[in-house]
Every structure is written in structure tokens, then in C-alpha cells.
């Protein structure tokens, strides 16, 4: 239950960071964090 909820939250944090990418200074770090959060969130949600 909580694992699915945490995955859902991490996934939407990554989506929000995708929107913040347009105003970010360090694009490489931002993209790495977004990809990591999306993978972790998807794996936790679909478990």
C-alpha cells in the first residue's frame, strides 16, 4: 500500500521537475534526477 503511494508521489515529483527544467541552471543534474525519480517511482508503483 505505502510502496504504491510512495511510487506515485515520486513519479509526480519527477513530472513537476520536468516542468521546472525550463527555469533550471544545471540541466544535466536536473535531467538525471528526473530520470531517476521516474524509474524508481514507476517500479514502486507497479510492484
PDB file of N, CA and C in Angstrom:
ATOM      1  N   UNK A   1       0.833  -1.202   0.000  1.00  0.00           N
ATOM      2  CA  UNK A   1       0.000   0.000   0.000  1.00  0.00           C
ATOM      3  C   UNK A   1       0.873   1.261   0.000  1.00  0.00           C
ATOM      4  N   UNK A   2       1.756   1.343   1.014  1.00  0.00           N
ATOM      5  CA  UNK A   2       2.584   2.541   1.106  1.00  0.00           C
ATOM      6  C   UNK A   2       3.635   2.597   0.006  1.00  0.00           C
ATOM      7  N   UNK A   3       4.064   1.426  -0.462  1.00  0.00           N
ATOM      8  CA  UNK A   3       5.041   1.387  -1.546  1.00  0.00           C
ATOM      9  C   UNK A   3       4.427   1.972  -2.817  1.00  0.00           C
ATOM     10  N   UNK A   4       3.169   1.643  -3.104  1.00  0.00           N
ATOM     11  CA  UNK A   4       2.490   2.201  -4.269  1.00  0.00           C
ATOM     12  C   UNK A   4       2.302   3.705  -4.124  1.00  0.00           C
ATOM     13  N   UNK A   5       1.967   4.143  -2.919  1.00  0.00           N
ATOM     14  CA  UNK A   5       1.779   5.571  -2.675  1.00  0.00           C
ATOM     15  C   UNK A   5       3.085   6.338  -2.854  1.00  0.00           C
ATOM     16  N   UNK A   6       4.184   5.790  -2.319  1.00  0.00           N
ATOM     17  CA  UNK A   6       5.484   6.448  -2.484  1.00  0.00           C
ATOM     18  C   UNK A   6       5.899   6.486  -3.951  1.00  0.00           C
ATOM     19  N   UNK A   7       5.636   5.413  -4.687  1.00  0.00           N
ATOM     20  CA  UNK A   7       5.944   5.405  -6.113  1.00  0.00           C
ATOM     21  C   UNK A   7       5.156   6.453  -6.867  1.00  0.00           C
ATOM     22  N   UNK A   8       3.873   6.586  -6.515  1.00  0.00           N
ATOM     23  CA  UNK A   8       3.009   7.589  -7.145  1.00  0.00           C
ATOM     24  C   UNK A   8       3.521   9.000  -6.865  1.00  0.00           C
ATOM     25  N   UNK A   9       3.910   9.245  -5.616  1.00  0.00           N
ATOM     26  CA  UNK A   9       4.427  10.562  -5.230  1.00  0.00           C
ATOM     27  C   UNK A   9       5.737  10.863  -5.953  1.00  0.00           C
ATOM     28  N   UNK A  10       6.657   9.896  -5.991  1.00  0.00           N
ATOM     29  CA  UNK A  10       7.949  10.116  -6.660  1.00  0.00           C
ATOM     30  C   UNK A  10       7.767  10.377  -8.149  1.00  0.00           C
ATOM     31  N   UNK A  11       6.816   9.655  -8.766  1.00  0.00           N
ATOM     32  CA  UNK A  11       6.561   9.859 -10.178  1.00  0.00           C
ATOM     33  C   UNK A  11       6.083  11.287 -10.447  1.00  0.00           C
ATOM     34  N   UNK A  12       5.165  11.793  -9.639  1.00  0.00           N
ATOM     35  CA  UNK A  12       4.651  13.142  -9.872  1.00  0.00           C
ATOM     36  C   UNK A  12       5.633  14.226  -9.471  1.00  0.00           C
ATOM     37  N   UNK A  13       6.541  13.929  -8.535  1.00  0.00           N
ATOM     38  CA  UNK A  13       7.631  14.872  -8.250  1.00  0.00           C
ATOM     39  C   UNK A  13       8.504  15.008  -9.492  1.00  0.00           C
ATOM     40  N   UNK A  14       8.774  13.883 -10.161  1.00  0.00           N
ATOM     41  CA  UNK A  14       9.581  13.916 -11.382  1.00  0.00           C
ATOM     42  C   UNK A  14       8.879  14.699 -12.475  1.00  0.00           C
ATOM     43  N   UNK A  15       7.558  14.558 -12.589  1.00  0.00           N
ATOM     44  CA  UNK A  15       6.814  15.330 -13.588  1.00  0.00           C
ATOM     45  C   UNK A  15       6.898  16.824 -13.272  1.00  0.00           C
ATOM     46  N   UNK A  16       6.790  17.182 -12.006  1.00  0.00           N
ATOM     47  CA  UNK A  16       6.925  18.585 -11.606  1.00  0.00           C
ATOM     48  C   UNK A  16       8.313  19.127 -11.890  1.00  0.00           C
ATOM     49  N   UNK A  17       9.329  18.297 -11.690  1.00  0.00           N
ATOM     50  CA  UNK A  17      10.691  18.723 -12.001  1.00  0.00           C
ATOM     51  C   UNK A  17      10.879  18.888 -13.498  1.00  0.00           C
ATOM     52  N   UNK A  18      10.164  18.090 -14.292  1.00  0.00           N
ATOM     53  CA  UNK A  18      10.214  18.262 -15.744  1.00  0.00           C
ATOM     54  C   UNK A  18       9.734  19.653 -16.127  1.00  0.00           C
ATOM     55  N   UNK A  19       8.687  20.126 -15.459  1.00  0.00           N
ATOM     56  CA  UNK A  19       8.210  21.484 -15.712  1.00  0.00           C
ATOM     57  C   UNK A  19       9.229  22.521 -15.237  1.00  0.00           C
ATOM     58  N   UNK A  20       9.906  22.238 -14.128  1.00  0.00           N
ATOM     59  CA  UNK A  20      10.909  23.162 -13.594  1.00  0.00           C
ATOM     60  C   UNK A  20      12.179  23.168 -14.435  1.00  0.00           C
ATOM     61  N   UNK A  21      12.322  22.198 -15.322  1.00  0.00           N
ATOM     62  CA  UNK A  21      13.513  22.107 -16.168  1.00  0.00           C
ATOM     63  C   UNK A  21      13.682  23.353 -17.030  1.00  0.00           C
ATOM     64  N   UNK A  22      12.591  24.019 -17.361  1.00  0.00           N
ATOM     65  CA  UNK A  22      12.654  25.202 -18.217  1.00  0.00           C
ATOM     66  C   UNK A  22      13.298  26.393 -17.518  1.00  0.00           C
ATOM     67  N   UNK A  23      13.342  26.374 -16.176  1.00  0.00           N
ATOM     68  CA  UNK A  23      13.945  27.504 -15.457  1.00  0.00           C
ATOM     69  C   UNK A  23      15.207  27.083 -14.699  1.00  0.00           C
ATOM     70  N   UNK A  24      15.707  25.853 -14.955  1.00  0.00           N
ATOM     71  CA  UNK A  24      16.875  25.338 -14.225  1.00  0.00           C
ATOM     72  C   UNK A  24      18.176  25.843 -14.837  1.00  0.00           C
ATOM     73  N   UNK A  25      19.198  25.961 -13.993  1.00  0.00           N
ATOM     74  CA  UNK A  25      20.524  26.358 -14.453  1.00  0.00           C
ATOM     75  C   UNK A  25      21.344  25.141 -14.871  1.00  0.00           C
ATOM     76  N   UNK A  26      21.371  24.125 -14.034  1.00  0.00           N
ATOM     77  CA  UNK A  26      22.156  22.923 -14.309  1.00  0.00           C
ATOM     78  C   UNK A  26      21.233  21.857 -14.909  1.00  0.00           C
ATOM     79  N   UNK A  27      21.160  21.841 -16.221  1.00  0.00           N
ATOM     80  CA  UNK A  27      20.208  20.975 -16.913  1.00  0.00           C
ATOM     81  C   UNK A  27      20.588  19.499 -16.775  1.00  0.00           C
ATOM     82  N   UNK A  28      21.883  19.176 -16.814  1.00  0.00           N
ATOM     83  CA  UNK A  28      22.308  17.772 -16.731  1.00  0.00           C
ATOM     84  C   UNK A  28      21.902  17.141 -15.401  1.00  0.00           C
ATOM     85  N   UNK A  29      22.141  17.829 -14.295  1.00  0.00           N
ATOM     86  CA  UNK A  29      21.762  17.317 -12.978  1.00  0.00           C
ATOM     87  C   UNK A  29      20.250  17.158 -12.873  1.00  0.00           C
ATOM     88  N   UNK A  30      19.519  18.115 -13.377  1.00  0.00           N
ATOM     89  CA  UNK A  30      18.061  18.074 -13.332  1.00  0.00           C
ATOM     90  C   UNK A  30      17.532  16.874 -14.126  1.00  0.00           C
ATOM     91  N   UNK A  31      18.078  16.633 -15.300  1.00  0.00           N
ATOM     92  CA  UNK A  31      17.641  15.505 -16.126  1.00  0.00           C
ATOM     93  C   UNK A  31      17.965  14.180 -15.441  1.00  0.00           C
ATOM     94  N   UNK A  32      19.127  14.073 -14.813  1.00  0.00           N
ATOM     95  CA  UNK A  32      19.493  12.843 -14.103  1.00  0.00           C
ATOM     96  C   UNK A  32      18.535  12.569 -12.948  1.00  0.00           C
ATOM     97  N   UNK A  33      18.183  13.596 -12.191  1.00  0.00           N
ATOM     98  CA  UNK A  33      17.244  13.427 -11.077  1.00  0.00           C
ATOM     99  C   UNK A  33      15.866  13.040 -11.595  1.00  0.00           C
ATOM    100  N   UNK A  34      15.409  13.664 -12.675  1.00  0.00           N
ATOM    101  CA  UNK A  34      14.099  13.353 -13.249  1.00  0.00           C
ATOM    102  C   UNK A  34      14.045  11.895 -13.700  1.00  0.00           C
ATOM    103  N   UNK A  35      15.058  11.440 -14.414  1.00  0.00           N
ATOM    104  CA  UNK A  35      15.076  10.054 -14.905  1.00  0.00           C
ATOM    105  C   UNK A  35      15.098   9.084 -13.726  1.00  0.00           C
ATOM    106  N   UNK A  36      15.912   9.372 -12.736  1.00  0.00           N
ATOM    107  CA  UNK A  36      15.982   8.501 -11.561  1.00  0.00           C
ATOM    108  C   UNK A  36      14.653   8.416 -10.823  1.00  0.00           C
ATOM    109  N   UNK A  37      14.021   9.558 -10.583  1.00  0.00           N
ATOM    110  CA  UNK A  37      12.744   9.562  -9.875  1.00  0.00           C
ATOM    111  C   UNK A  37      11.661   8.850 -10.663  1.00  0.00           C
ATOM    112  N   UNK A  38      11.644   9.026 -11.983  1.00  0.00           N
ATOM    113  CA  UNK A  38      10.624   8.354 -12.787  1.00  0.00           C
ATOM    114  C   UNK A  38      10.803   6.838 -12.757  1.00  0.00           C
ATOM    115  N   UNK A  39      12.048   6.373 -12.850  1.00  0.00           N
ATOM    116  CA  UNK A  39      12.290   4.924 -12.823  1.00  0.00           C
ATOM    117  C   UNK A  39      11.924   4.344 -11.455  1.00  0.00           C
ATOM    118  N   UNK A  40      12.387   4.982 -10.390  1.00  0.00           N
ATOM    119  CA  UNK A  40      12.086   4.483  -9.044  1.00  0.00           C
ATOM    120  C   UNK A  40      10.587   4.534  -8.770  1.00  0.00           C
ATOM    121  N   UNK A  41       9.952   5.650  -9.124  1.00  0.00           N
ATOM    122  CA  UNK A  41       8.518   5.786  -8.897  1.00  0.00           C
ATOM    123  C   UNK A  41       7.713   4.771  -9.673  1.00  0.00           C
ATOM    124  N   UNK A  42       8.075   4.534 -10.922  1.00  0.00           N
ATOM    125  CA  UNK A  42       7.351   3.565 -11.751  1.00  0.00           C
ATOM    126  C   UNK A  42       7.515   2.148 -11.195  1.00  0.00           C
ATOM    127  N   UNK A  43       8.738   1.813 -10.793  1.00  0.00           N
ATOM    128  CA  UNK A  43       8.977   0.473 -10.239  1.00  0.00           C
ATOM    129  C   UNK A  43       8.240   0.255  -8.927  1.00  0.00           C
ATOM    130  N   UNK A  44       8.200   1.281  -8.085  1.00  0.00           N
ATOM    131  CA  UNK A  44       7.498   1.143  -6.804  1.00  0.00           C
ATOM    132  C   UNK A  44       5.990   1.077  -7.003  1.00  0.00           C
ATOM    133  N   UNK A  45       5.472   1.827  -7.975  1.00  0.00           N
ATOM    134  CA  UNK A  45       4.022   1.868  -8.184  1.00  0.00           C
ATOM    135  C   UNK A  45       3.530   0.581  -8.832  1.00  0.00           C
ATOM    136  N   UNK A  46       4.279   0.022  -9.747  1.00  0.00           N
ATOM    137  CA  UNK A  46       3.828  -1.156 -10.491  1.00  0.00           C
ATOM    138  C   UNK A  46       4.219  -2.479  -9.834  1.00  0.00           C
ATOM    139  N   UNK A  47       4.808  -2.427  -8.668  1.00  0.00           N
ATOM    140  CA  UNK A  47       5.223  -3.646  -7.973  1.00  0.00           C
ATOM    141  C   UNK A  47       4.032  -4.436  -7.486  1.00  0.00           C
TER     142      UNK A  47
END
